[in-house]
Amino acid sequence: MIHHTMIVAFDELIPSGELDEFLKGLEELTVGTGAFQSFTARHHLRVPADDHAPVAVASAVVQFGVADLDTLNDSFSLPSVGEFISSWQARRPYKAIWVNHEPLT
């Protein structure tokens, strides 16, 4: 199994309910494709030191599980994924950084 761990940082503070909507939509989208074996997401837990973050402060962390790198690569071209991203980027711009890796444990 390969994990695709993504850190999502919205450009502006996003209300908790909207973040939940984003994460739920992402889960439904990805799990619904059949390409993903697992999905886990959590909100970032804010602390005062976040005000001094050198790059960005995360809004959430998301981890997808897929069978292999080919499956992961193919998932980026699913039309529904692009539509979801475009819709949210128009509504609430965000940046994402990710790492593809084998399970950590």
Protein backbone atom coordinates (compact mmCIF):
# COMPACT_ATOMS: atom_id res chain seq x y z
CA MET A 1 0.00 0.00 0.00
CA ILE A 2 1.06 3.56 -0.74
CA HIS A 3 -0.09 6.51 1.35
CA HIS A 4 -0.67 9.94 -0.12
CA THR A 5 -0.52 12.34 2.83
CA MET A 6 -1.68 15.85 2.02
CA ILE A 7 -1.47 19.02 4.10
CA VAL A 8 -4.18 21.50 3.10
CA ALA A 9 -3.81 25.19 3.95
CA PHE A 10 -6.68 27.50 3.07
CA ASP A 11 -5.58 31.05 2.25
CA GLU A 12 -7.88 32.44 4.94
CA LEU A 13 -9.17 30.96 8.18
CA ILE A 14 -12.02 28.65 7.24
CA PRO A 15 -14.93 28.00 9.61
CA SER A 16 -14.94 24.51 11.09
CA GLY A 17 -18.23 23.59 9.41
CA GLU A 18 -16.93 24.55 5.98
CA LEU A 19 -13.73 22.60 6.56
CA ASP A 20 -15.83 19.58 7.53
CA GLU A 21 -17.81 20.04 4.30
CA PHE A 22 -14.57 20.11 2.28
CA LEU A 23 -13.20 17.00 3.99
CA LYS A 24 -16.49 15.09 3.70
CA GLY A 25 -16.74 15.97 0.02
CA LEU A 26 -13.17 14.85 -0.54
CA GLU A 27 -13.84 11.58 1.25
CA GLU A 28 -17.02 10.87 -0.73
CA LEU A 29 -15.27 11.73 -3.97
CA THR A 30 -12.19 9.61 -3.45
CA VAL A 31 -13.72 6.59 -1.75
CA GLY A 32 -16.45 6.60 -4.40
CA THR A 33 -13.94 6.10 -7.23
CA GLY A 34 -12.88 2.66 -6.04
CA ALA A 35 -9.23 3.64 -6.56
CA PHE A 36 -8.67 4.46 -2.88
CA GLN A 37 -8.44 1.84 -0.15
CA SER A 38 -8.56 4.23 2.79
CA PHE A 39 -9.22 7.83 3.74
CA THR A 40 -8.49 9.65 6.99
CA ALA A 41 -8.64 13.37 7.73
CA ARG A 42 -8.21 15.60 10.75
CA HIS A 43 -8.41 19.32 11.45
CA HIS A 44 -5.21 21.15 12.36
CA LEU A 45 -5.08 21.88 16.10
CA ARG A 46 -4.14 25.54 16.35
CA VAL A 47 -1.63 26.85 18.91
CA PRO A 48 -0.32 30.43 19.40
CA ALA A 49 3.02 29.54 17.78
CA ASP A 50 1.13 29.08 14.49
CA ASP A 51 1.26 32.87 14.15
CA HIS A 52 4.98 32.50 13.46
CA ALA A 53 4.84 29.65 10.95
CA PRO A 54 7.56 30.16 8.32
CA VAL A 55 5.50 29.00 5.33
CA ALA A 56 1.80 28.42 6.06
CA VAL A 57 -0.47 27.06 8.75
CA ALA A 58 -2.31 23.91 7.83
CA SER A 59 -6.08 23.73 7.95
CA ALA A 60 -6.17 19.94 7.84
CA VAL A 61 -4.21 16.79 7.13
CA VAL A 62 -5.61 14.11 4.84
CA GLN A 63 -4.25 10.63 4.17
CA PHE A 64 -5.35 8.43 1.29
CA GLY A 65 -4.34 4.80 0.84
CA VAL A 66 -3.94 3.25 -2.62
CA ALA A 67 -2.63 -0.07 -3.87
CA ASP A 68 0.41 1.27 -5.74
CA LEU A 69 2.01 4.28 -7.41
CA ASP A 70 0.30 3.65 -10.75
CA THR A 71 -3.11 3.77 -9.07
CA LEU A 72 -2.15 6.97 -7.28
CA ASN A 73 -0.90 8.56 -10.48
CA ASP A 74 -4.08 7.59 -12.33
CA SER A 75 -6.24 9.10 -9.57
CA PHE A 76 -4.97 12.60 -10.38
CA SER A 77 -6.60 12.41 -13.82
CA LEU A 78 -10.09 11.44 -12.65
CA PRO A 79 -12.42 14.19 -13.98
CA SER A 80 -14.39 14.38 -10.73
CA VAL A 81 -11.21 15.16 -8.78
CA GLY A 82 -10.40 18.12 -11.01
CA GLU A 83 -13.95 19.42 -10.75
CA PHE A 84 -13.88 19.18 -6.96
CA ILE A 85 -10.58 21.03 -6.74
CA SER A 86 -11.69 23.76 -9.16
CA SER A 87 -14.96 24.27 -7.33
CA TRP A 88 -13.27 24.65 -3.94
CA GLN A 89 -10.44 26.80 -5.31
CA ALA A 90 -13.03 29.23 -6.71
CA ARG A 91 -14.91 29.26 -3.43
CA ARG A 92 -12.08 29.14 -0.88
CA PRO A 93 -8.57 29.16 -2.34
CA TYR A 94 -6.10 26.79 -0.73
CA LYS A 95 -2.68 25.31 -1.21
CA ALA A 96 -1.67 21.71 -0.72
CA ILE A 97 1.60 19.95 -0.19
CA TRP A 98 1.88 16.20 -0.13
CA VAL A 99 4.16 13.25 0.27
CA ASN A 100 3.73 9.78 -1.21
CA HIS A 101 5.13 7.09 1.05
CA GLU A 102 4.92 3.57 2.33
CA PRO A 103 3.08 3.09 5.65
CA LEU A 104 4.92 4.67 8.55
CA THR A 105 4.16 1.81 10.95
